[in-house]
């Protein structure tokens, strides 16, 4: 199954059927491209109304780097959970590798993250994510997550 911008975008409602996160900690507005278990593209617009802008920083609001990593992690988790055999799994952030922040992200910007699965062995998934604002690469790195069966929680 490949979902592309020319076929069908997955809305926040569709995303909530897959991901466990909810507002104010769901950082994926839309999935625009998906090849389950291989690659995914997600979108998020930071409006300036998000809770963290009140303190990060009042005079110069910036999207925190950890929120950018969380955005990439949520999109990468979506990639894993869309594979039918993985639907009963729950993912936990396990780490990041070589994550770099190249440009600041401010309110009003729409970001696109492109993630591709590097490996999924022994319930540990590693995916490479690149975050763009327009044509500019703003952050990139590798996200690791551990997946467990929902029944063990």
Protein backbone atom coordinates (compact mmCIF):
# COMPACT_ATOMS: atom_id res chain seq x y z
CA UNK A 1 0.00 0.00 0.00
CA UNK A 2 1.43 3.35 -1.00
CA UNK A 3 -0.42 6.50 -0.06
CA UNK A 4 0.75 9.65 -1.80
CA UNK A 5 -0.29 13.28 -1.94
CA UNK A 6 -1.92 12.55 -5.30
CA UNK A 7 -4.04 9.75 -3.86
CA UNK A 8 -5.07 10.16 -0.21
CA UNK A 9 -3.63 12.12 2.66
CA UNK A 10 -4.06 10.71 6.14
CA UNK A 11 -5.64 13.24 8.48
CA UNK A 12 -5.18 13.74 12.19
CA UNK A 13 -8.17 11.44 12.79
CA UNK A 14 -6.52 8.69 10.73
CA UNK A 15 -3.24 9.26 12.58
CA UNK A 16 -4.97 8.98 15.98
CA UNK A 17 -6.20 5.52 14.97
CA UNK A 18 -2.55 4.42 14.77
CA UNK A 19 -0.52 6.56 17.22
CA UNK A 20 -1.25 6.62 20.97
CA UNK A 21 -0.26 10.29 21.48
CA UNK A 22 -2.95 12.94 21.89
CA UNK A 23 -3.05 16.72 22.16
CA UNK A 24 -1.10 18.56 23.35
CA UNK A 25 1.63 15.99 22.61
CA UNK A 26 0.62 14.76 19.15
CA UNK A 27 2.99 16.46 16.70
CA UNK A 28 1.76 15.03 13.41
CA UNK A 29 -0.94 16.90 11.50
CA UNK A 30 -0.94 14.80 8.36
CA UNK A 31 0.71 11.84 6.65
CA UNK A 32 1.30 12.65 2.99
CA UNK A 33 3.19 9.59 1.81
CA UNK A 34 3.38 6.08 3.21
CA UNK A 35 4.91 2.76 2.32
CA UNK A 36 4.21 0.68 5.47
CA UNK A 37 7.38 -0.71 6.98
CA UNK A 38 9.60 1.21 4.55
CA UNK A 39 9.09 4.98 4.42
CA UNK A 40 6.74 7.73 5.50
CA UNK A 41 6.35 11.49 5.14
CA UNK A 42 4.58 13.53 7.80
CA UNK A 43 3.64 17.17 8.18
CA UNK A 44 3.29 19.56 11.13
CA UNK A 45 2.53 23.28 11.25
CA UNK A 46 3.64 25.03 14.42
CA UNK A 47 1.05 27.76 14.93
CA UNK A 48 2.62 29.59 17.84
CA UNK A 49 -0.22 28.53 20.15
CA UNK A 50 1.60 25.40 21.32
CA UNK A 51 2.17 25.24 25.09
CA UNK A 52 5.99 25.24 24.95
CA UNK A 53 6.28 28.63 23.24
CA UNK A 54 5.27 30.36 26.49
CA UNK A 55 8.64 29.48 27.97
CA UNK A 56 10.86 28.68 24.97
CA UNK A 57 11.44 31.63 24.64
CA UNK A 58 8.92 34.42 25.35
CA UNK A 59 10.91 37.09 23.47
CA UNK A 60 12.06 34.75 20.68
CA UNK A 61 9.82 31.67 20.37
CA UNK A 62 11.61 28.62 18.95
CA UNK A 63 10.50 25.02 18.53
CA UNK A 64 12.65 23.04 20.99
CA UNK A 65 14.99 20.45 19.47
CA UNK A 66 13.42 17.72 21.60
CA UNK A 67 10.04 18.52 20.03
CA UNK A 68 11.58 18.17 16.57
CA UNK A 69 12.97 14.77 17.58
CA UNK A 70 9.57 13.80 19.01
CA UNK A 71 7.92 14.82 15.72
CA UNK A 72 10.37 12.61 13.82
CA UNK A 73 9.86 9.81 16.34
CA UNK A 74 6.07 9.91 16.04
CA UNK A 75 6.20 9.81 12.24
CA UNK A 76 8.71 6.95 12.40
CA UNK A 77 6.49 5.06 14.84
CA UNK A 78 3.57 5.49 12.43
CA UNK A 79 5.70 3.75 9.82
CA UNK A 80 6.14 0.69 12.07
CA UNK A 81 2.56 0.50 13.35
CA UNK A 82 1.00 0.53 9.87
CA UNK A 83 2.41 -2.92 9.18
CA UNK A 84 -0.50 -5.26 10.08
CA UNK A 85 1.58 -7.64 12.22
CA UNK A 86 2.79 -4.65 14.30
CA UNK A 87 -0.62 -3.16 15.09
CA UNK A 88 -0.59 -4.51 18.67
CA UNK A 89 2.79 -2.98 19.47
CA UNK A 90 3.58 0.08 21.57
CA UNK A 91 6.76 2.04 20.90
CA UNK A 92 9.06 3.70 23.42
CA UNK A 93 11.73 6.24 22.46
CA UNK A 94 15.05 4.45 22.96
CA UNK A 95 17.57 6.93 21.66
CA UNK A 96 18.88 9.17 18.94
CA UNK A 97 22.07 8.99 16.95
CA UNK A 98 23.82 11.88 15.23
CA UNK A 99 20.75 14.12 15.42
CA UNK A 100 21.69 17.58 14.19
CA UNK A 101 19.77 20.84 14.22
CA UNK A 102 20.75 22.95 11.25
CA UNK A 103 18.26 25.84 11.31
CA UNK A 104 15.89 27.32 13.84
CA UNK A 105 12.16 26.62 13.61
CA UNK A 106 9.75 29.39 14.59
CA UNK A 107 5.97 29.72 14.90
CA UNK A 108 4.12 29.74 11.61
CA UNK A 109 6.41 27.30 9.86
CA UNK A 110 5.24 24.04 8.35
CA UNK A 111 7.67 21.14 8.62
CA UNK A 112 7.90 17.96 6.61
CA UNK A 113 9.68 14.92 8.01
CA UNK A 114 10.78 12.11 5.72
CA UNK A 115 11.59 8.91 7.58
CA UNK A 116 12.82 5.61 6.25
CA UNK A 117 13.28 2.42 8.19
CA UNK A 118 16.90 1.36 8.52
CA UNK A 119 16.31 -1.79 10.57
CA UNK A 120 13.79 -3.53 12.80
CA UNK A 121 15.39 -6.38 14.74
CA UNK A 122 14.75 -7.79 18.20
CA UNK A 123 11.87 -5.30 18.63
CA UNK A 124 14.21 -2.33 18.11
CA UNK A 125 13.51 -0.07 15.16
CA UNK A 126 15.99 2.44 13.79
CA UNK A 127 14.87 5.02 11.28
CA UNK A 128 16.59 7.89 9.54
CA UNK A 129 14.64 11.15 9.59
CA UNK A 130 15.14 14.38 7.70
CA UNK A 131 13.08 17.42 8.66
CA UNK A 132 12.50 20.16 6.10
CA UNK A 133 10.96 23.61 6.10
CA UNK A 134 10.27 24.23 2.44
CA UNK A 135 13.42 23.16 0.62
CA UNK A 136 15.67 23.78 3.63
CA UNK A 137 16.88 20.90 5.76
CA UNK A 138 16.41 21.99 9.38
CA UNK A 139 17.28 18.78 11.27
CA UNK A 140 18.27 15.18 10.66
CA UNK A 141 19.30 12.08 12.52
CA UNK A 142 18.49 8.52 13.47
CA UNK A 143 15.71 7.63 15.90
CA UNK A 144 15.64 4.34 17.82
CA UNK A 145 12.53 2.90 19.45
CA UNK A 146 11.79 -0.29 21.35
CA UNK A 147 8.44 -1.93 20.62
CA UNK A 148 6.55 -4.18 23.05
CA UNK A 149 3.22 -5.94 22.81
CA UNK A 150 0.37 -3.81 24.18
CA UNK A 151 -0.74 -6.74 26.35
CA UNK A 152 2.49 -6.56 28.34
CA UNK A 153 1.88 -2.96 29.46
